[in-house]
Amino acid sequence: MKTPVKASAPRRRRKEARPSELTAAALELFVDKGFAATRLDDVAAHAGVSKGTLYLYFDSKEALFKAVIEEGIVPTMAAAEQRVAEYSGSAQALLRELIFGWWQHVGATGLAGVPKLIVSESRNFPEVAQYYHDQVIVRGRALLRTALLRGIANGEFRALDTETTIDLILAPLLMLVIWRFSLRFCGRETDPETYLQTHFDLLMHGLSPKGVQP
């Protein structure tokens, strides 16, 4: 007589979870499924807790998204702001540190899916997009503006329209994360380090005063 095969036990839910576990689960689902398609039930299940436990910390999906930004990206922005305030080296080195530091702390992590998420869903969720704009975009632009103005003031960079230059610095970075999460599935692979170095080299040649090589 054959011994009956026992069914695998269902995943047990925990009574409690740290908020960081919930935001980590939310980030994965937001990036994978999109903000609109992700339900709070999905996040709770992915974190292995009940929906009631999730509601102890977050009363809405928007609040959960804001917490993802507060925990994942805002500390990076704050650290960069302190670094820029204390920095005494060349503007060129500072600009490179900002660009490559962004990749290290955001672009190369799961947080890189957030900009792609904002691009695709900001129209339908303006409150979420506005929060990201105020906490990340505005502060990131201020960091780049400081580096550019220092370089112009000390003669490292030629005078250009600063705000437009910031746009042109950021556009390739945004394209890189969009490529990572979308376009690479229908095109060639892009090596991030080569991409960023090429972007920086072109940027330095464009910013250098006439007749002076970077």
Protein backbone atom coordinates (compact mmCIF):
# COMPACT_ATOMS: atom_id res chain seq x y z
CA MET A 1 0.00 0.00 0.00
CA LYS A 2 1.41 3.34 -1.06
CA THR A 3 1.97 6.02 1.53
CA PRO A 4 -0.04 9.11 0.57
CA VAL A 5 2.05 12.10 -0.45
CA LYS A 6 1.64 15.03 1.86
CA ALA A 7 0.72 18.33 0.25
CA SER A 8 3.26 21.09 0.73
CA ALA A 9 2.37 23.41 3.53
CA PRO A 10 1.07 26.84 2.49
CA ARG A 11 3.30 29.82 3.13
CA ARG A 12 2.75 30.88 6.71
CA ARG A 13 1.93 34.46 7.39
CA ARG A 14 3.73 36.31 10.12
CA LYS A 15 1.81 38.44 12.58
CA GLU A 16 4.28 41.28 12.35
CA ALA A 17 6.64 42.80 9.79
CA ARG A 18 8.98 45.74 9.87
CA PRO A 19 7.95 48.66 7.64
CA SER A 20 11.17 48.20 5.66
CA GLU A 21 10.06 44.68 4.70
CA LEU A 22 6.77 46.04 3.44
CA THR A 23 8.39 48.80 1.40
CA ALA A 24 10.84 46.31 -0.10
CA ALA A 25 7.95 44.09 -1.17
CA ALA A 26 6.08 47.10 -2.54
CA LEU A 27 9.06 48.26 -4.57
CA GLU A 28 9.42 44.86 -6.22
CA LEU A 29 5.76 44.74 -7.17
CA PHE A 30 5.53 48.38 -8.27
CA VAL A 31 8.45 47.90 -10.64
CA ASP A 32 7.33 44.47 -11.85
CA LYS A 33 3.58 45.04 -12.22
CA GLY A 34 3.22 48.82 -12.26
CA PHE A 35 1.69 51.11 -9.65
CA ALA A 36 -1.88 50.86 -10.95
CA ALA A 37 -1.88 47.06 -11.17
CA THR A 38 -0.41 46.49 -7.70
CA ARG A 39 -2.93 46.01 -4.90
CA LEU A 40 -2.26 46.29 -1.19
CA ASP A 41 -3.34 42.65 -0.92
CA ASP A 42 -0.51 41.77 -3.33
CA VAL A 43 2.05 43.64 -1.23
CA ALA A 44 0.88 42.00 1.98
CA ALA A 45 1.03 38.55 0.42
CA HIS A 46 4.47 39.21 -1.06
CA ALA A 47 5.74 40.29 2.37
CA GLY A 48 4.10 37.28 4.04
CA VAL A 49 1.76 39.27 6.28
CA SER A 50 -1.95 39.98 6.47
CA LYS A 51 -3.47 43.04 4.88
CA GLY A 52 -4.43 44.19 8.36
CA THR A 53 -0.78 44.17 9.39
CA LEU A 54 0.12 46.28 6.37
CA TYR A 55 -2.59 48.80 7.30
CA LEU A 56 -0.96 49.25 10.71
CA TYR A 57 1.78 51.16 8.88
CA PHE A 58 0.29 52.38 5.60
CA ASP A 59 -3.28 53.46 4.96
CA SER A 60 -3.00 53.66 1.17
CA LYS A 61 -0.92 52.62 -1.80
CA GLU A 62 0.22 56.23 -2.21
CA ALA A 63 1.52 56.29 1.36
CA LEU A 64 3.39 53.07 0.67
CA PHE A 65 5.02 54.55 -2.43
CA LYS A 66 6.08 57.64 -0.50
CA ALA A 67 7.67 55.39 2.11
CA VAL A 68 9.62 53.60 -0.64
CA ILE A 69 11.07 56.97 -1.69
CA GLU A 70 11.70 58.12 1.89
CA GLU A 71 13.57 54.96 2.82
CA GLY A 72 15.36 54.25 -0.45
CA ILE A 73 16.19 57.49 -2.25
CA VAL A 74 15.83 60.42 0.17
CA PRO A 75 18.78 59.30 2.37
CA THR A 76 20.95 59.14 -0.75
CA MET A 77 19.91 62.67 -1.70
CA ALA A 78 20.65 63.92 1.82
CA ALA A 79 24.11 62.31 1.80
CA ALA A 80 24.89 63.85 -1.60
CA GLU A 81 23.79 67.27 -0.37
CA GLN A 82 26.12 67.04 2.60
CA ARG A 83 28.95 65.86 0.36
CA VAL A 84 28.49 68.78 -2.03
CA ALA A 85 28.32 71.28 0.84
CA GLU A 86 31.66 70.04 2.20
CA TYR A 87 33.39 69.44 -1.14
CA SER A 88 36.53 71.44 -1.93
CA GLY A 89 37.87 69.73 -5.07
CA SER A 90 37.35 70.48 -8.75
CA ALA A 91 33.89 70.94 -10.23
CA GLN A 92 34.69 68.29 -12.83
CA ALA A 93 35.46 65.68 -10.16
CA LEU A 94 32.34 66.68 -8.23
CA LEU A 95 30.14 66.31 -11.30
CA ARG A 96 31.60 62.88 -12.00
CA GLU A 97 31.02 61.83 -8.40
CA LEU A 98 27.38 62.89 -8.61
CA ILE A 99 26.73 61.01 -11.86
CA PHE A 100 28.50 57.79 -10.92
CA GLY A 101 27.28 57.99 -7.33
CA TRP A 102 23.69 58.11 -8.60
CA TRP A 103 24.30 54.90 -10.52
CA GLN A 104 25.91 53.16 -7.55
CA HIS A 105 23.18 54.03 -5.05
CA VAL A 106 20.09 54.14 -7.27
CA GLY A 107 20.64 53.12 -10.89
CA ALA A 108 22.28 49.77 -10.12
CA THR A 109 19.66 48.85 -7.51
CA GLY A 110 15.97 48.02 -7.56
CA LEU A 111 15.26 51.70 -6.95
CA ALA A 112 16.17 52.37 -10.59
CA GLY A 113 12.70 51.11 -11.47
CA VAL A 114 11.11 54.12 -9.76
CA PRO A 115 11.96 56.70 -12.49
CA LYS A 116 10.57 54.34 -15.12
CA LEU A 117 7.46 53.95 -12.97
CA ILE A 118 7.05 57.72 -12.72
CA VAL A 119 7.44 58.16 -16.48
CA SER A 120 4.77 55.58 -17.22
CA GLU A 121 2.19 56.41 -14.54
CA SER A 122 2.61 60.02 -13.44
CA ARG A 123 -0.37 61.22 -15.46
CA ASN A 124 -2.73 58.84 -13.69
CA PHE A 125 -1.23 59.38 -10.23
CA PRO A 126 -0.23 63.06 -10.05
CA GLU A 127 0.10 63.09 -6.26
CA VAL A 128 2.69 60.32 -6.40
CA ALA A 129 4.55 62.03 -9.24
CA GLN A 130 4.55 65.38 -7.43
CA TYR A 131 6.03 63.81 -4.32
CA TYR A 132 8.82 62.23 -6.37
CA HIS A 133 9.42 65.53 -8.13
CA ASP A 134 9.72 67.49 -4.88
CA GLN A 135 11.82 64.97 -2.96
CA VAL A 136 14.10 63.68 -5.73
CA ILE A 137 14.07 65.67 -8.96
CA VAL A 138 14.22 69.14 -7.42
CA ARG A 139 17.02 68.14 -5.06
CA GLY A 140 18.95 66.29 -7.75
CA ARG A 141 18.81 69.31 -10.05
CA ALA A 142 20.05 71.53 -7.22
CA LEU A 143 23.10 69.28 -6.76
CA LEU A 144 23.98 69.43 -10.45
CA ARG A 145 23.34 73.18 -10.53
CA THR A 146 25.82 73.72 -7.71
CA ALA A 147 28.53 71.71 -9.49
CA LEU A 148 27.96 73.53 -12.80
CA LEU A 149 27.97 76.99 -11.28
CA ARG A 150 31.19 76.24 -9.38
CA GLY A 151 32.81 75.11 -12.61
CA ILE A 152 31.68 78.21 -14.48
CA ALA A 153 32.84 80.48 -11.67
CA ASN A 154 36.36 79.02 -11.52
CA GLY A 155 36.80 78.72 -15.28
CA GLU A 156 36.60 74.93 -15.55
CA PHE A 157 33.37 75.11 -17.55
CA ARG A 158 32.23 77.56 -20.18
CA ALA A 159 29.07 79.50 -19.54
CA LEU A 160 25.96 77.72 -20.82
CA ASP A 161 22.29 77.88 -19.95
CA THR A 162 22.47 76.03 -16.64
CA GLU A 163 18.94 74.64 -16.51
CA THR A 164 19.12 73.29 -20.06
CA THR A 165 22.51 71.76 -19.30
CA ILE A 166 20.98 69.98 -16.30
CA ASP A 167 18.25 68.60 -18.57
CA LEU A 168 20.89 67.25 -20.93
CA ILE A 169 22.87 65.67 -18.09
CA LEU A 170 19.79 63.91 -16.73
CA ALA A 171 18.27 62.71 -20.01
CA PRO A 172 20.87 59.96 -20.68
CA LEU A 173 20.60 58.79 -17.06
CA LEU A 174 16.85 58.43 -17.41
CA MET A 175 17.35 56.62 -20.71
CA LEU A 176 19.73 54.17 -19.03
CA VAL A 177 17.18 53.05 -16.44
CA ILE A 178 14.42 52.86 -19.05
CA TRP A 179 16.72 50.67 -21.12
CA ARG A 180 17.46 48.49 -18.12
CA PHE A 181 13.81 47.84 -17.29
CA SER A 182 12.18 47.98 -20.73
CA LEU A 183 14.07 48.42 -23.98
CA ARG A 184 16.81 45.85 -23.36
CA PHE A 185 14.22 43.12 -23.76
CA CYS A 186 13.84 44.03 -27.43
CA GLY A 187 17.35 45.32 -28.24
CA ARG A 188 21.01 44.97 -27.43
CA GLU A 189 22.49 44.96 -23.95
CA THR A 190 24.14 48.14 -22.70
CA ASP A 191 27.09 48.10 -20.31
CA PRO A 192 26.29 50.76 -17.68
CA GLU A 193 29.91 51.63 -16.86
CA THR A 194 30.81 52.17 -20.53
CA TYR A 195 27.61 54.12 -21.06
CA LEU A 196 28.22 56.43 -18.09
CA GLN A 197 31.88 56.99 -18.92
CA THR A 198 31.03 57.89 -22.51
CA HIS A 199 28.30 60.23 -21.31
CA PHE A 200 30.72 61.91 -18.91
CA ASP A 201 33.47 62.25 -21.54
CA LEU A 202 31.08 63.92 -23.99
CA LEU A 203 29.79 66.15 -21.22
CA MET A 204 33.26 67.30 -20.21
CA HIS A 205 34.22 68.11 -23.79
CA GLY A 206 31.01 70.07 -24.19
CA LEU A 207 31.54 72.02 -20.97
CA SER A 208 35.24 72.78 -21.45
CA PRO A 209 36.16 76.35 -22.39
CA LYS A 210 36.98 76.79 -26.06
CA GLY A 211 40.42 75.46 -26.92
CA VAL A 212 40.90 73.70 -23.58
CA GLN A 213 40.75 69.90 -23.39
CA PRO A 214 39.23 68.32 -20.25
